[in-house]
Structure formats: structure tokens, C-alpha cells
PDB file of N, CA and C in Angstrom:
ATOM      1  N   UNK A   1     191.187  16.499 -79.849  1.00  0.00           N
ATOM      2  CA  UNK A   1     189.896  15.957 -80.239  1.00  0.00           C
ATOM      3  C   UNK A   1     189.316  16.803 -81.363  1.00  0.00           C
ATOM      4  N   UNK A   2     188.795  16.157 -82.363  1.00  0.00           N
ATOM      5  CA  UNK A   2     188.225  16.907 -83.473  1.00  0.00           C
ATOM      6  C   UNK A   2     186.742  16.625 -83.588  1.00  0.00           C
ATOM      7  N   UNK A   3     186.009  17.616 -84.018  1.00  0.00           N
ATOM      8  CA  UNK A   3     184.580  17.454 -84.239  1.00  0.00           C
ATOM      9  C   UNK A   3     184.267  18.061 -85.596  1.00  0.00           C
ATOM     10  N   UNK A   4     183.799  17.237 -86.520  1.00  0.00           N
ATOM     11  CA  UNK A   4     183.521  17.731 -87.858  1.00  0.00           C
ATOM     12  C   UNK A   4     182.093  18.238 -87.939  1.00  0.00           C
ATOM     13  N   UNK A   5     181.765  18.791 -89.096  1.00  0.00           N
ATOM     14  CA  UNK A   5     180.464  19.431 -89.244  1.00  0.00           C
ATOM     15  C   UNK A   5     179.301  18.455 -89.157  1.00  0.00           C
ATOM     16  N   UNK A   6     179.542  17.175 -89.485  1.00  0.00           N
ATOM     17  CA  UNK A   6     178.426  16.242 -89.389  1.00  0.00           C
ATOM     18  C   UNK A   6     178.414  15.510 -88.049  1.00  0.00           C
ATOM     19  N   UNK A   7     178.873  16.226 -87.016  1.00  0.00           N
ATOM     20  CA  UNK A   7     178.749  15.738 -85.651  1.00  0.00           C
ATOM     21  C   UNK A   7     179.480  14.430 -85.409  1.00  0.00           C
ATOM     22  N   UNK A   8     180.690  14.340 -85.924  1.00  0.00           N
ATOM     23  CA  UNK A   8     181.536  13.179 -85.678  1.00  0.00           C
ATOM     24  C   UNK A   8     182.548  13.573 -84.616  1.00  0.00           C
ATOM     25  N   UNK A   9     182.655  12.786 -83.573  1.00  0.00           N
ATOM     26  CA  UNK A   9     183.529  13.109 -82.456  1.00  0.00           C
ATOM     27  C   UNK A   9     184.619  12.045 -82.366  1.00  0.00           C
ATOM     28  N   UNK A  10     185.845  12.464 -82.625  1.00  0.00           N
ATOM     29  CA  UNK A  10     186.980  11.550 -82.626  1.00  0.00           C
ATOM     30  C   UNK A  10     187.684  11.676 -81.280  1.00  0.00           C
ATOM     31  N   UNK A  11     187.594  10.635 -80.454  1.00  0.00           N
ATOM     32  CA  UNK A  11     188.200  10.700 -79.119  1.00  0.00           C
ATOM     33  C   UNK A  11     189.557  10.006 -79.063  1.00  0.00           C
ATOM     34  N   UNK A  12     190.067   9.604 -80.216  1.00  0.00           N
ATOM     35  CA  UNK A  12     191.345   8.875 -80.217  1.00  0.00           C
ATOM     36  C   UNK A  12     192.505   9.709 -79.698  1.00  0.00           C
ATOM     37  N   UNK A  13     192.403  11.035 -79.783  1.00  0.00           N
ATOM     38  CA  UNK A  13     193.499  11.886 -79.312  1.00  0.00           C
ATOM     39  C   UNK A  13     193.447  12.124 -77.799  1.00  0.00           C
ATOM     40  N   UNK A  14     192.346  11.756 -77.165  1.00  0.00           N
ATOM     41  CA  UNK A  14     192.208  11.952 -75.715  1.00  0.00           C
ATOM     42  C   UNK A  14     192.776  10.750 -74.970  1.00  0.00           C
ATOM     43  N   UNK A  15     193.308  11.001 -73.771  1.00  0.00           N
ATOM     44  CA  UNK A  15     193.731   9.871 -72.955  1.00  0.00           C
ATOM     45  C   UNK A  15     192.464   9.131 -72.516  1.00  0.00           C
ATOM     46  N   UNK A  16     192.550   7.809 -72.367  1.00  0.00           N
ATOM     47  CA  UNK A  16     191.343   7.033 -72.056  1.00  0.00           C
ATOM     48  C   UNK A  16     190.533   7.561 -70.872  1.00  0.00           C
ATOM     49  N   UNK A  17     191.191   8.069 -69.852  1.00  0.00           N
ATOM     50  CA  UNK A  17     190.461   8.562 -68.680  1.00  0.00           C
ATOM     51  C   UNK A  17     189.543   9.730 -69.026  1.00  0.00           C
ATOM     52  N   UNK A  18     189.882  10.492 -70.067  1.00  0.00           N
ATOM     53  CA  UNK A  18     189.072  11.662 -70.446  1.00  0.00           C
ATOM     54  C   UNK A  18     187.951  11.305 -71.417  1.00  0.00           C
ATOM     55  N   UNK A  19     188.082  10.178 -72.099  1.00  0.00           N
ATOM     56  CA  UNK A  19     187.138   9.852 -73.171  1.00  0.00           C
ATOM     57  C   UNK A  19     185.707   9.718 -72.674  1.00  0.00           C
ATOM     58  N   UNK A  20     185.511   8.921 -71.627  1.00  0.00           N
ATOM     59  CA  UNK A  20     184.137   8.690 -71.166  1.00  0.00           C
ATOM     60  C   UNK A  20     183.509   9.967 -70.640  1.00  0.00           C
ATOM     61  N   UNK A  21     184.291  10.772 -69.919  1.00  0.00           N
ATOM     62  CA  UNK A  21     183.746  12.031 -69.403  1.00  0.00           C
ATOM     63  C   UNK A  21     183.273  12.924 -70.555  1.00  0.00           C
ATOM     64  N   UNK A  22     184.090  13.019 -71.595  1.00  0.00           N
ATOM     65  CA  UNK A  22     183.735  13.846 -72.745  1.00  0.00           C
ATOM     66  C   UNK A  22     182.476  13.307 -73.426  1.00  0.00           C
ATOM     67  N   UNK A  23     182.393  12.010 -73.600  1.00  0.00           N
ATOM     68  CA  UNK A  23     181.240  11.406 -74.266  1.00  0.00           C
ATOM     69  C   UNK A  23     179.975  11.616 -73.438  1.00  0.00           C
ATOM     70  N   UNK A  24     180.083  11.472 -72.111  1.00  0.00           N
ATOM     71  CA  UNK A  24     178.920  11.712 -71.257  1.00  0.00           C
ATOM     72  C   UNK A  24     178.460  13.162 -71.356  1.00  0.00           C
ATOM     73  N   UNK A  25     179.397  14.109 -71.448  1.00  0.00           N
ATOM     74  CA  UNK A  25     179.022  15.516 -71.629  1.00  0.00           C
ATOM     75  C   UNK A  25     178.224  15.682 -72.916  1.00  0.00           C
ATOM     76  N   UNK A  26     178.690  15.040 -73.990  1.00  0.00           N
ATOM     77  CA  UNK A  26     178.002  15.161 -75.278  1.00  0.00           C
ATOM     78  C   UNK A  26     176.608  14.548 -75.226  1.00  0.00           C
ATOM     79  N   UNK A  27     176.473  13.404 -74.578  1.00  0.00           N
ATOM     80  CA  UNK A  27     175.153  12.768 -74.464  1.00  0.00           C
ATOM     81  C   UNK A  27     174.227  13.660 -73.638  1.00  0.00           C
ATOM     82  N   UNK A  28     174.763  14.248 -72.572  1.00  0.00           N
ATOM     83  CA  UNK A  28     173.967  15.169 -71.747  1.00  0.00           C
ATOM     84  C   UNK A  28     173.415  16.326 -72.570  1.00  0.00           C
ATOM     85  N   UNK A  29     174.199  16.815 -73.519  1.00  0.00           N
ATOM     86  CA  UNK A  29     173.827  17.994 -74.299  1.00  0.00           C
ATOM     87  C   UNK A  29     172.926  17.664 -75.490  1.00  0.00           C
ATOM     88  N   UNK A  30     172.802  16.389 -75.827  1.00  0.00           N
ATOM     89  CA  UNK A  30     171.996  16.023 -76.997  1.00  0.00           C
ATOM     90  C   UNK A  30     170.524  16.316 -76.756  1.00  0.00           C
ATOM     91  N   UNK A  31     169.900  16.922 -77.741  1.00  0.00           N
ATOM     92  CA  UNK A  31     168.448  17.070 -77.707  1.00  0.00           C
ATOM     93  C   UNK A  31     167.837  15.733 -78.116  1.00  0.00           C
ATOM     94  N   UNK A  32     166.594  15.511 -77.711  1.00  0.00           N
ATOM     95  CA  UNK A  32     165.895  14.300 -78.142  1.00  0.00           C
ATOM     96  C   UNK A  32     165.872  14.295 -79.665  1.00  0.00           C
ATOM     97  N   UNK A  33     166.261  13.174 -80.250  1.00  0.00           N
ATOM     98  CA  UNK A  33     166.340  13.077 -81.702  1.00  0.00           C
ATOM     99  C   UNK A  33     167.709  13.433 -82.250  1.00  0.00           C
ATOM    100  N   UNK A  34     168.560  14.011 -81.421  1.00  0.00           N
ATOM    101  CA  UNK A  34     169.912  14.363 -81.858  1.00  0.00           C
ATOM    102  C   UNK A  34     170.824  13.150 -81.796  1.00  0.00           C
ATOM    103  N   UNK A  35     171.955  13.243 -82.482  1.00  0.00           N
ATOM    104  CA  UNK A  35     172.911  12.138 -82.501  1.00  0.00           C
ATOM    105  C   UNK A  35     174.298  12.663 -82.836  1.00  0.00           C
ATOM    106  N   UNK A  36     175.291  11.867 -82.513  1.00  0.00           N
ATOM    107  CA  UNK A  36     176.649  12.134 -82.966  1.00  0.00           C
ATOM    108  C   UNK A  36     177.309  10.794 -83.238  1.00  0.00           C
ATOM    109  N   UNK A  37     178.387  10.833 -84.007  1.00  0.00           N
ATOM    110  CA  UNK A  37     179.128   9.617 -84.327  1.00  0.00           C
ATOM    111  C   UNK A  37     180.426   9.626 -83.524  1.00  0.00           C
ATOM    112  N   UNK A  38     180.594   8.600 -82.717  1.00  0.00           N
ATOM    113  CA  UNK A  38     181.802   8.434 -81.918  1.00  0.00           C
ATOM    114  C   UNK A  38     182.836   7.687 -82.748  1.00  0.00           C
ATOM    115  N   UNK A  39     184.065   8.219 -82.809  1.00  0.00           N
ATOM    116  CA  UNK A  39     185.163   7.558 -83.508  1.00  0.00           C
ATOM    117  C   UNK A  39     186.187   7.155 -82.450  1.00  0.00           C
ATOM    118  N   UNK A  40     186.524   5.867 -82.418  1.00  0.00           N
ATOM    119  CA  UNK A  40     187.404   5.351 -81.374  1.00  0.00           C
ATOM    120  C   UNK A  40     188.371   4.336 -81.967  1.00  0.00           C
ATOM    121  N   UNK A  41     189.390   3.975 -81.188  1.00  0.00           N
ATOM    122  CA  UNK A  41     190.383   3.013 -81.671  1.00  0.00           C
ATOM    123  C   UNK A  41     190.154   1.610 -81.126  1.00  0.00           C
ATOM    124  N   UNK A  42     189.049   1.389 -80.437  1.00  0.00           N
ATOM    125  CA  UNK A  42     188.677   0.050 -79.962  1.00  0.00           C
ATOM    126  C   UNK A  42     187.160  -0.006 -79.825  1.00  0.00           C
ATOM    127  N   UNK A  43     186.631  -1.187 -79.662  1.00  0.00           N
ATOM    128  CA  UNK A  43     185.185  -1.339 -79.498  1.00  0.00           C
ATOM    129  C   UNK A  43     184.766  -0.660 -78.198  1.00  0.00           C
ATOM    130  N   UNK A  44     183.915   0.368 -78.273  1.00  0.00           N
ATOM    131  CA  UNK A  44     183.526   1.089 -77.056  1.00  0.00           C
ATOM    132  C   UNK A  44     182.402   0.413 -76.282  1.00  0.00           C
ATOM    133  N   UNK A  45     182.311  -0.913 -76.356  1.00  0.00           N
ATOM    134  CA  UNK A  45     181.219  -1.643 -75.700  1.00  0.00           C
ATOM    135  C   UNK A  45     181.094  -1.322 -74.207  1.00  0.00           C
ATOM    136  N   UNK A  46     182.186  -1.206 -73.428  1.00  0.00           N
ATOM    137  CA  UNK A  46     182.016  -0.856 -72.001  1.00  0.00           C
ATOM    138  C   UNK A  46     181.265   0.464 -71.817  1.00  0.00           C
ATOM    139  N   UNK A  47     181.468   1.396 -72.741  1.00  0.00           N
ATOM    140  CA  UNK A  47     180.759   2.671 -72.689  1.00  0.00           C
ATOM    141  C   UNK A  47     179.252   2.454 -72.841  1.00  0.00           C
ATOM    142  N   UNK A  48     178.884   1.513 -73.702  1.00  0.00           N
ATOM    143  CA  UNK A  48     177.456   1.210 -73.886  1.00  0.00           C
ATOM    144  C   UNK A  48     176.813   0.856 -72.548  1.00  0.00           C
ATOM    145  N   UNK A  49     177.488  -0.004 -71.785  1.00  0.00           N
ATOM    146  CA  UNK A  49     176.918  -0.425 -70.497  1.00  0.00           C
ATOM    147  C   UNK A  49     176.864   0.732 -69.505  1.00  0.00           C
ATOM    148  N   UNK A  50     177.854   1.604 -69.551  1.00  0.00           N
ATOM    149  CA  UNK A  50     177.833   2.776 -68.677  1.00  0.00           C
ATOM    150  C   UNK A  50     176.666   3.703 -69.039  1.00  0.00           C
ATOM    151  N   UNK A  51     176.486   3.926 -70.342  1.00  0.00           N
ATOM    152  CA  UNK A  51     175.383   4.790 -70.778  1.00  0.00           C
ATOM    153  C   UNK A  51     174.039   4.172 -70.410  1.00  0.00           C
ATOM    154  N   UNK A  52     173.927   2.863 -70.588  1.00  0.00           N
ATOM    155  CA  UNK A  52     172.664   2.186 -70.277  1.00  0.00           C
ATOM    156  C   UNK A  52     172.345   2.299 -68.782  1.00  0.00           C
ATOM    157  N   UNK A  53     173.362   2.258 -67.945  1.00  0.00           N
ATOM    158  CA  UNK A  53     173.147   2.404 -66.506  1.00  0.00           C
ATOM    159  C   UNK A  53     172.722   3.829 -66.159  1.00  0.00           C
ATOM    160  N   UNK A  54     173.328   4.807 -66.842  1.00  0.00           N
ATOM    161  CA  UNK A  54     173.079   6.218 -66.548  1.00  0.00           C
ATOM    162  C   UNK A  54     171.802   6.738 -67.216  1.00  0.00           C
ATOM    163  N   UNK A  55     171.545   6.261 -68.432  1.00  0.00           N
ATOM    164  CA  UNK A  55     170.405   6.731 -69.232  1.00  0.00           C
ATOM    165  C   UNK A  55     169.606   5.518 -69.736  1.00  0.00           C
ATOM    166  N   UNK A  56     168.962   4.784 -68.862  1.00  0.00           N
ATOM    167  CA  UNK A  56     168.298   3.550 -69.306  1.00  0.00           C
ATOM    168  C   UNK A  56     167.285   3.799 -70.415  1.00  0.00           C
ATOM    169  N   UNK A  57     167.452   3.077 -71.519  1.00  0.00           N
ATOM    170  CA  UNK A  57     166.537   3.119 -72.666  1.00  0.00           C
ATOM    171  C   UNK A  57     166.315   4.535 -73.200  1.00  0.00           C
ATOM    172  N   UNK A  58     167.327   5.407 -73.053  1.00  0.00           N
ATOM    173  CA  UNK A  58     167.170   6.783 -73.523  1.00  0.00           C
ATOM    174  C   UNK A  58     168.074   7.108 -74.703  1.00  0.00           C
ATOM    175  N   UNK A  59     168.789   6.111 -75.209  1.00  0.00           N
ATOM    176  CA  UNK A  59     169.693   6.405 -76.317  1.00  0.00           C
ATOM    177  C   UNK A  59     169.738   5.227 -77.281  1.00  0.00           C
ATOM    178  N   UNK A  60     170.135   5.530 -78.515  1.00  0.00           N
ATOM    179  CA  UNK A  60     170.346   4.485 -79.512  1.00  0.00           C
ATOM    180  C   UNK A  60     171.849   4.298 -79.703  1.00  0.00           C
ATOM    181  N   UNK A  61     172.234   3.117 -80.150  1.00  0.00           N
ATOM    182  CA  UNK A  61     173.640   2.750 -80.307  1.00  0.00           C
ATOM    183  C   UNK A  61     173.740   1.943 -81.587  1.00  0.00           C
ATOM    184  N   UNK A  62     174.340   2.528 -82.629  1.00  0.00           N
ATOM    185  CA  UNK A  62     174.396   1.871 -83.928  1.00  0.00           C
ATOM    186  C   UNK A  62     175.832   1.820 -84.433  1.00  0.00           C
ATOM    187  N   UNK A  63     176.361   0.612 -84.600  1.00  0.00           N
ATOM    188  CA  UNK A  63     177.706   0.477 -85.154  1.00  0.00           C
ATOM    189  C   UNK A  63     177.692   0.834 -86.633  1.00  0.00           C
ATOM    190  N   UNK A  64     178.582   1.738 -87.043  1.00  0.00           N
ATOM    191  CA  UNK A  64     178.742   2.100 -88.443  1.00  0.00           C
ATOM    192  C   UNK A  64     179.998   1.454 -89.022  1.00  0.00           C
ATOM    193  N   UNK A  65     180.976   1.252 -88.166  1.00  0.00           N
ATOM    194  CA  UNK A  65     182.242   0.622 -88.568  1.00  0.00           C
ATOM    195  C   UNK A  65     182.764  -0.142 -87.372  1.00  0.00           C
ATOM    196  N   UNK A  66     183.194  -1.393 -87.597  1.00  0.00           N
ATOM    197  CA  UNK A  66     183.607  -2.260 -86.486  1.00  0.00           C
ATOM    198  C   UNK A  66     185.061  -2.696 -86.606  1.00  0.00           C
ATOM    199  N   UNK A  67     185.961  -1.721 -86.629  1.00  0.00           N
ATOM    200  CA  UNK A  67     187.387  -2.016 -86.585  1.00  0.00           C
ATOM    201  C   UNK A  67     187.907  -2.693 -87.847  1.00  0.00           C
ATOM    202  N   UNK A  68     189.111  -3.271 -87.761  1.00  0.00           N
ATOM    203  CA  UNK A  68     189.882  -3.474 -86.530  1.00  0.00           C
ATOM    204  C   UNK A  68     190.624  -2.239 -86.035  1.00  0.00           C
ATOM    205  N   UNK A  69     190.807  -1.219 -86.906  1.00  0.00           N
ATOM    206  CA  UNK A  69     191.577  -0.044 -86.485  1.00  0.00           C
ATOM    207  C   UNK A  69     190.691   1.102 -86.024  1.00  0.00           C
ATOM    208  N   UNK A  70     189.569   1.278 -86.698  1.00  0.00           N
ATOM    209  CA  UNK A  70     188.667   2.385 -86.385  1.00  0.00           C
ATOM    210  C   UNK A  70     187.279   1.838 -86.103  1.00  0.00           C
ATOM    211  N   UNK A  71     186.693   2.335 -85.034  1.00  0.00           N
ATOM    212  CA  UNK A  71     185.318   1.971 -84.655  1.00  0.00           C
ATOM    213  C   UNK A  71     184.481   3.238 -84.700  1.00  0.00           C
ATOM    214  N   UNK A  72     183.354   3.175 -85.367  1.00  0.00           N
ATOM    215  CA  UNK A  72     182.457   4.325 -85.448  1.00  0.00           C
ATOM    216  C   UNK A  72     181.077   3.877 -84.982  1.00  0.00           C
ATOM    217  N   UNK A  73     180.539   4.601 -83.997  1.00  0.00           N
ATOM    218  CA  UNK A  73     179.235   4.272 -83.426  1.00  0.00           C
ATOM    219  C   UNK A  73     178.387   5.536 -83.411  1.00  0.00           C
ATOM    220  N   UNK A  74     177.186   5.440 -83.954  1.00  0.00           N
ATOM    221  CA  UNK A  74     176.261   6.560 -83.853  1.00  0.00           C
ATOM    222  C   UNK A  74     175.482   6.418 -82.549  1.00  0.00           C
ATOM    223  N   UNK A  75     175.569   7.451 -81.732  1.00  0.00           N
ATOM    224  CA  UNK A  75     174.859   7.481 -80.447  1.00  0.00           C
ATOM    225  C   UNK A  75     173.799   8.558 -80.557  1.00  0.00           C
ATOM    226  N   UNK A  76     172.550   8.183 -80.364  1.00  0.00           N
ATOM    227  CA  UNK A  76     171.445   9.120 -80.492  1.00  0.00           C
ATOM    228  C   UNK A  76     170.629   9.208 -79.221  1.00  0.00           C
ATOM    229  N   UNK A  77     170.001  10.352 -79.019  1.00  0.00           N
ATOM    230  CA  UNK A  77     169.192  10.554 -77.829  1.00  0.00           C
ATOM    231  C   UNK A  77     167.721  10.272 -78.166  1.00  0.00           C
ATOM    232  N   UNK A  78     167.105   9.427 -77.372  1.00  0.00           N
ATOM    233  CA  UNK A  78     165.689   9.122 -77.559  1.00  0.00           C
ATOM    234  C   UNK A  78     164.879   9.794 -76.470  1.00  0.00           C
ATOM    235  N   UNK A  79     163.603   9.493 -76.424  1.00  0.00           N
ATOM    236  CA  UNK A  79     162.740  10.065 -75.383  1.00  0.00           C
ATOM    237  C   UNK A  79     163.304   9.772 -74.002  1.00  0.00           C
ATOM    238  N   UNK A  80     163.135  10.681 -73.121  1.00  0.00           N
ATOM    239  CA  UNK A  80     163.537  10.438 -71.735  1.00  0.00           C
ATOM    240  C   UNK A  80     162.591   9.403 -71.130  1.00  0.00           C
ATOM    241  N   UNK A  81     163.143   8.595 -70.253  1.00  0.00           N
ATOM    242  CA  UNK A  81     162.314   7.583 -69.600  1.00  0.00           C
ATOM    243  C   UNK A  81     161.245   8.271 -68.753  1.00  0.00           C
ATOM    244  N   UNK A  82     160.071   7.720 -68.729  1.00  0.00           N
ATOM    245  CA  UNK A  82     158.952   8.331 -67.992  1.00  0.00           C
ATOM    246  C   UNK A  82     159.152   8.145 -66.498  1.00  0.00           C
TER     247      UNK A  82
END
């Protein structure tokens, strides 16, 4: 897994079972207003639903690139739910 200076996290080298755990760790560590770009080899839409269940309305999800080979999504941390 590589992480560049502009907070891009490429999970394509991880086995799928490790990807979500790693991404959840990164979301946990994000400060409010912080963000990182997830790089994946498929649409990470199932991850969106998992994050929404775990962190309701606490993160942003912005597609930067939509395949077909590379998917890039900016995931940002918003205010914690009251």
C-alpha cells in the first residue's frame, strides 16, 4: 500500500479483506475537515454504505475518477453527529 504526500491512499495492493479495515482506520484518524483520496480498482460503493452506517452524516464522499480501471474517491471528515 502506498500513501503519497497529498494523502492519496492506494489500496489496490491489499487483499480485499484488508482494504475496508485499513480505510476505516484512516477515517477514524481523520480530524474534522481532513480528507484523503482512496485509490481502488473497482467502484467502492459498498464501502460508502458501510461508512454511512458507522459514521452517519459525518463524512463526505466525492468521486474524482470513475474507472473503468482506476477509481479515486475523496473521503473527508465532517462534524461529528450531535
